Amino acid sequence: MQLVINGQQKDFPSLEANSTISQLLAHLGLKGDRVAIEHNGEIVPRSNWESVSLHSGDKLEIVHFVGGGLQP
């Protein structure tokens, strides 16, 4: 499967057709509680990640939140 993630085309030969966003995140090793996903221009609520199927050519924006910073 070919996906465009954050503007870069990537191949995922081990992902089957109709894999879900949750399966992609597991494949990428990302924790679901620290990311936000946009799929083909639509923000996908975390509650829908198991049901949204991916297709070759889909465009995703994945934002990974990082904690930290200075405490006063």
N, C-alpha and C. Protein backbone atom coordinates (compact mmCIF):
# COMPACT_ATOMS: atom_id res chain seq x y z
N MET A 1 0.85 -1.17 0.00
CA MET A 1 0.00 0.00 0.00
C MET A 1 0.90 1.24 0.00
N GLN A 2 0.54 2.22 -0.80
CA GLN A 2 1.25 3.50 -0.82
C GLN A 2 0.38 4.55 -0.16
N LEU A 3 0.97 5.26 0.79
CA LEU A 3 0.27 6.35 1.47
C LEU A 3 1.14 7.59 1.43
N VAL A 4 0.51 8.75 1.48
CA VAL A 4 1.25 10.01 1.60
C VAL A 4 1.08 10.45 3.05
N ILE A 5 2.19 10.44 3.79
CA ILE A 5 2.16 10.80 5.21
C ILE A 5 2.99 12.05 5.41
N ASN A 6 2.34 13.08 5.91
CA ASN A 6 2.99 14.37 6.14
C ASN A 6 3.74 14.85 4.90
N GLY A 7 3.09 14.67 3.75
CA GLY A 7 3.62 15.16 2.48
C GLY A 7 4.63 14.27 1.80
N GLN A 8 4.96 13.13 2.38
CA GLN A 8 5.93 12.22 1.78
C GLN A 8 5.28 10.89 1.43
N GLN A 9 5.50 10.46 0.19
CA GLN A 9 4.94 9.17 -0.23
C GLN A 9 5.75 8.05 0.41
N LYS A 10 5.04 7.08 0.99
CA LYS A 10 5.69 5.95 1.65
C LYS A 10 5.00 4.66 1.23
N ASP A 11 5.81 3.62 1.09
CA ASP A 11 5.29 2.30 0.75
C ASP A 11 5.18 1.45 2.01
N PHE A 12 4.07 0.73 2.12
CA PHE A 12 3.83 -0.17 3.24
C PHE A 12 3.42 -1.53 2.68
N PRO A 13 4.39 -2.31 2.20
CA PRO A 13 4.04 -3.60 1.59
C PRO A 13 3.40 -4.59 2.56
N SER A 14 3.64 -4.43 3.85
CA SER A 14 3.08 -5.38 4.81
C SER A 14 1.66 -5.02 5.26
N LEU A 15 1.18 -3.83 4.90
CA LEU A 15 -0.21 -3.45 5.23
C LEU A 15 -1.14 -3.94 4.13
N GLU A 16 -2.18 -4.62 4.54
CA GLU A 16 -3.16 -5.11 3.58
C GLU A 16 -4.12 -4.00 3.18
N ALA A 17 -4.76 -4.18 2.04
CA ALA A 17 -5.80 -3.25 1.61
C ALA A 17 -6.87 -3.18 2.69
N ASN A 18 -7.40 -2.03 2.92
CA ASN A 18 -8.43 -1.78 3.93
C ASN A 18 -7.93 -1.88 5.36
N SER A 19 -6.60 -1.78 5.56
CA SER A 19 -6.09 -1.69 6.92
C SER A 19 -6.63 -0.42 7.55
N THR A 20 -6.69 -0.40 8.86
CA THR A 20 -7.26 0.76 9.56
C THR A 20 -6.16 1.71 10.03
N ILE A 21 -6.59 2.88 10.46
CA ILE A 21 -5.65 3.85 11.02
C ILE A 21 -4.96 3.25 12.24
N SER A 22 -5.68 2.54 13.07
CA SER A 22 -5.08 1.90 14.25
C SER A 22 -3.97 0.93 13.84
N GLN A 23 -4.21 0.16 12.80
CA GLN A 23 -3.19 -0.78 12.33
C GLN A 23 -1.96 -0.04 11.80
N LEU A 24 -2.17 1.07 11.10
CA LEU A 24 -1.05 1.86 10.62
C LEU A 24 -0.23 2.40 11.78
N LEU A 25 -0.89 2.94 12.79
CA LEU A 25 -0.17 3.48 13.94
C LEU A 25 0.65 2.40 14.64
N ALA A 26 0.08 1.21 14.79
CA ALA A 26 0.81 0.09 15.39
C ALA A 26 2.03 -0.26 14.53
N HIS A 27 1.84 -0.25 13.23
CA HIS A 27 2.94 -0.55 12.30
C HIS A 27 4.06 0.49 12.44
N LEU A 28 3.68 1.74 12.64
CA LEU A 28 4.65 2.82 12.78
C LEU A 28 5.24 2.91 14.19
N GLY A 29 4.65 2.17 15.13
CA GLY A 29 5.12 2.19 16.51
C GLY A 29 4.75 3.46 17.26
N LEU A 30 3.64 4.08 16.88
CA LEU A 30 3.20 5.31 17.53
C LEU A 30 2.12 5.02 18.57
N LYS A 31 2.21 5.70 19.70
CA LYS A 31 1.19 5.56 20.73
C LYS A 31 -0.01 6.43 20.36
N GLY A 32 -1.18 5.83 20.40
CA GLY A 32 -2.40 6.52 20.01
C GLY A 32 -2.78 7.69 20.88
N ASP A 33 -2.31 7.70 22.13
CA ASP A 33 -2.69 8.79 23.01
C ASP A 33 -1.87 10.05 22.79
N ARG A 34 -0.91 9.99 21.87
CA ARG A 34 -0.03 11.14 21.65
C ARG A 34 -0.03 11.64 20.20
N VAL A 35 -1.04 11.25 19.43
CA VAL A 35 -1.09 11.68 18.04
C VAL A 35 -2.48 12.18 17.67
N ALA A 36 -2.52 13.00 16.65
CA ALA A 36 -3.77 13.42 16.01
C ALA A 36 -3.63 13.06 14.53
N ILE A 37 -4.73 12.64 13.92
CA ILE A 37 -4.70 12.16 12.55
C ILE A 37 -5.69 12.93 11.68
N GLU A 38 -5.20 13.33 10.51
CA GLU A 38 -6.06 13.88 9.46
C GLU A 38 -5.97 12.92 8.29
N HIS A 39 -7.12 12.49 7.79
CA HIS A 39 -7.18 11.51 6.70
C HIS A 39 -7.90 12.14 5.52
N ASN A 40 -7.18 12.33 4.44
CA ASN A 40 -7.74 12.95 3.23
C ASN A 40 -8.47 14.26 3.54
N GLY A 41 -7.83 15.08 4.38
CA GLY A 41 -8.36 16.41 4.68
C GLY A 41 -9.37 16.48 5.81
N GLU A 42 -9.71 15.35 6.42
CA GLU A 42 -10.69 15.32 7.51
C GLU A 42 -10.02 14.83 8.78
N ILE A 43 -10.20 15.55 9.88
CA ILE A 43 -9.68 15.09 11.16
C ILE A 43 -10.50 13.87 11.60
N VAL A 44 -9.79 12.83 12.02
CA VAL A 44 -10.46 11.59 12.42
C VAL A 44 -10.41 11.48 13.94
N PRO A 45 -11.57 11.45 14.59
CA PRO A 45 -11.59 11.26 16.04
C PRO A 45 -10.97 9.91 16.42
N ARG A 46 -10.30 9.89 17.53
CA ARG A 46 -9.65 8.66 18.00
C ARG A 46 -10.65 7.50 18.06
N SER A 47 -11.89 7.78 18.38
CA SER A 47 -12.90 6.73 18.49
C SER A 47 -13.21 6.06 17.14
N ASN A 48 -12.78 6.66 16.04
CA ASN A 48 -13.04 6.09 14.70
C ASN A 48 -11.82 5.41 14.08
N TRP A 49 -10.70 5.43 14.75
CA TRP A 49 -9.48 4.88 14.16
C TRP A 49 -9.58 3.41 13.80
N GLU A 50 -10.38 2.66 14.55
CA GLU A 50 -10.54 1.22 14.27
C GLU A 50 -11.43 0.97 13.06
N SER A 51 -12.25 1.95 12.69
CA SER A 51 -13.21 1.72 11.62
C SER A 51 -12.86 2.42 10.30
N VAL A 52 -11.91 3.35 10.31
CA VAL A 52 -11.56 4.05 9.07
C VAL A 52 -10.54 3.22 8.29
N SER A 53 -10.95 2.78 7.10
CA SER A 53 -10.08 1.97 6.25
C SER A 53 -9.18 2.86 5.40
N LEU A 54 -7.97 2.38 5.21
CA LEU A 54 -7.00 3.09 4.37
C LEU A 54 -6.94 2.44 3.00
N HIS A 55 -6.68 3.26 2.00
CA HIS A 55 -6.56 2.79 0.63
C HIS A 55 -5.31 3.41 0.01
N SER A 56 -4.69 2.68 -0.89
CA SER A 56 -3.49 3.18 -1.53
C SER A 56 -3.76 4.56 -2.13
N GLY A 57 -2.85 5.49 -1.87
CA GLY A 57 -2.99 6.86 -2.36
C GLY A 57 -3.57 7.82 -1.34
N ASP A 58 -4.09 7.30 -0.23
CA ASP A 58 -4.65 8.17 0.81
C ASP A 58 -3.58 9.11 1.35
N LYS A 59 -4.03 10.28 1.78
CA LYS A 59 -3.13 11.29 2.36
C LYS A 59 -3.44 11.44 3.83
N LEU A 60 -2.40 11.33 4.66
CA LEU A 60 -2.56 11.47 6.10
C LEU A 60 -1.59 12.50 6.63
N GLU A 61 -2.07 13.25 7.59
CA GLU A 61 -1.20 14.11 8.38
C GLU A 61 -1.23 13.53 9.78
N ILE A 62 -0.05 13.23 10.30
CA ILE A 62 0.05 12.67 11.64
C ILE A 62 0.86 13.65 12.48
N VAL A 63 0.22 14.17 13.52
CA VAL A 63 0.87 15.11 14.42
C VAL A 63 1.15 14.37 15.72
N HIS A 64 2.40 14.37 16.11
CA HIS A 64 2.83 13.66 17.33
C HIS A 64 3.13 14.69 18.40
N PHE A 65 2.42 14.59 19.51
CA PHE A 65 2.60 15.54 20.61
C PHE A 65 3.77 15.11 21.48
N VAL A 66 4.58 16.08 21.86
CA VAL A 66 5.74 15.82 22.70
C VAL A 66 5.61 16.69 23.94
N GLY A 67 5.72 16.08 25.10
CA GLY A 67 5.64 16.83 26.34
C GLY A 67 6.99 17.43 26.70
N GLY A 68 6.98 18.23 27.68
CA GLY A 68 8.24 18.82 28.15
C GLY A 68 8.13 20.32 28.27
N GLY A 69 9.26 20.91 28.43
CA GLY A 69 9.31 22.37 28.57
C GLY A 69 9.83 22.74 29.95
N LEU A 70 10.00 23.99 30.14
CA LEU A 70 10.52 24.49 31.40
C LEU A 70 9.40 24.79 32.37
N GLN A 71 9.62 24.45 33.59
CA GLN A 71 8.67 24.80 34.65
C GLN A 71 9.19 26.01 35.40
N PRO A 72 8.34 26.99 35.67
CA PRO A 72 8.82 28.19 36.39
C PRO A 72 9.16 27.89 37.84
